[in-house]
Amino acid sequence: MITIGLTGGIGSGKTTVANYFIELGVPVYFADNEAKELMNTSKKIKKKLITEFGKEAYKDGKLNKAYLAAIVFNDKNKLSIINKIVHPEVVKHFSKWVKQQSQNIRSDYVIQENAILFENGSASKFNYIITVTAPVDIRINRILKRDSITKDAILSRMDNQWSDNEKVKLSDFVINNINLIDTKKQVKKLYKKLLKINRGALK
């Protein structure tokens, strides 16, 4: 089965694009959501995070997101450590998920939505990469409206991710998400194109 990575910087609207694909019947794996779930349920991850960041990494048996966020806010090395602990387990979980989807004959291809696909070095594991882009000012305004977060915090998170230009150079397809009506049209067009690619590969 063809696997496709869907990425984009914070505020680019990659989740919106992923949901449009879901509407068209494409199974989508949300890596960030699954990672958070694994951080709460995996004994292996929990043990490593506590060893690295102390018992405060968990509060009442649940991941202490505020505590960890404060640690990695201005420390790329600490963020890298968390990614190295969690990423391998997400890879294993995704592999199992793909196998489950492959048993569903209606699934022509699957997508993994992942904000740090290039940053964590997993882009090469996918057959194709889609990057969602949007101007920085639009991205910032979207996040300010969506989250309880300061502009400085947004810029810090952006600084921890690759730029759109870097991602686009290594991507097979690009969706410019500025106007939602136009974005949906782009998704439908790409959806059909990927169906043709996948069915051609199966011949």
Foldseek 3Di string as FASTA:
>chain_A
DAEEEEAEAQLLCSVVLVVLVVVVPAAEAELVVVLQVCCQPPPQLVVQCCVVPNPCCADPSHGPVVSLCVVCLQPLVSVVSSCVSRVVVSVVVVVVVVVVVVVPVVHLYHYYYDHACVVSPPNVVGPFYEYRGEDPVSSLVSCVVVDPDDSVSSVSRRVSHDDPVVVVVVGPYYQYPDDPVVSSVVSVVVSVVVSVVSVVVVD
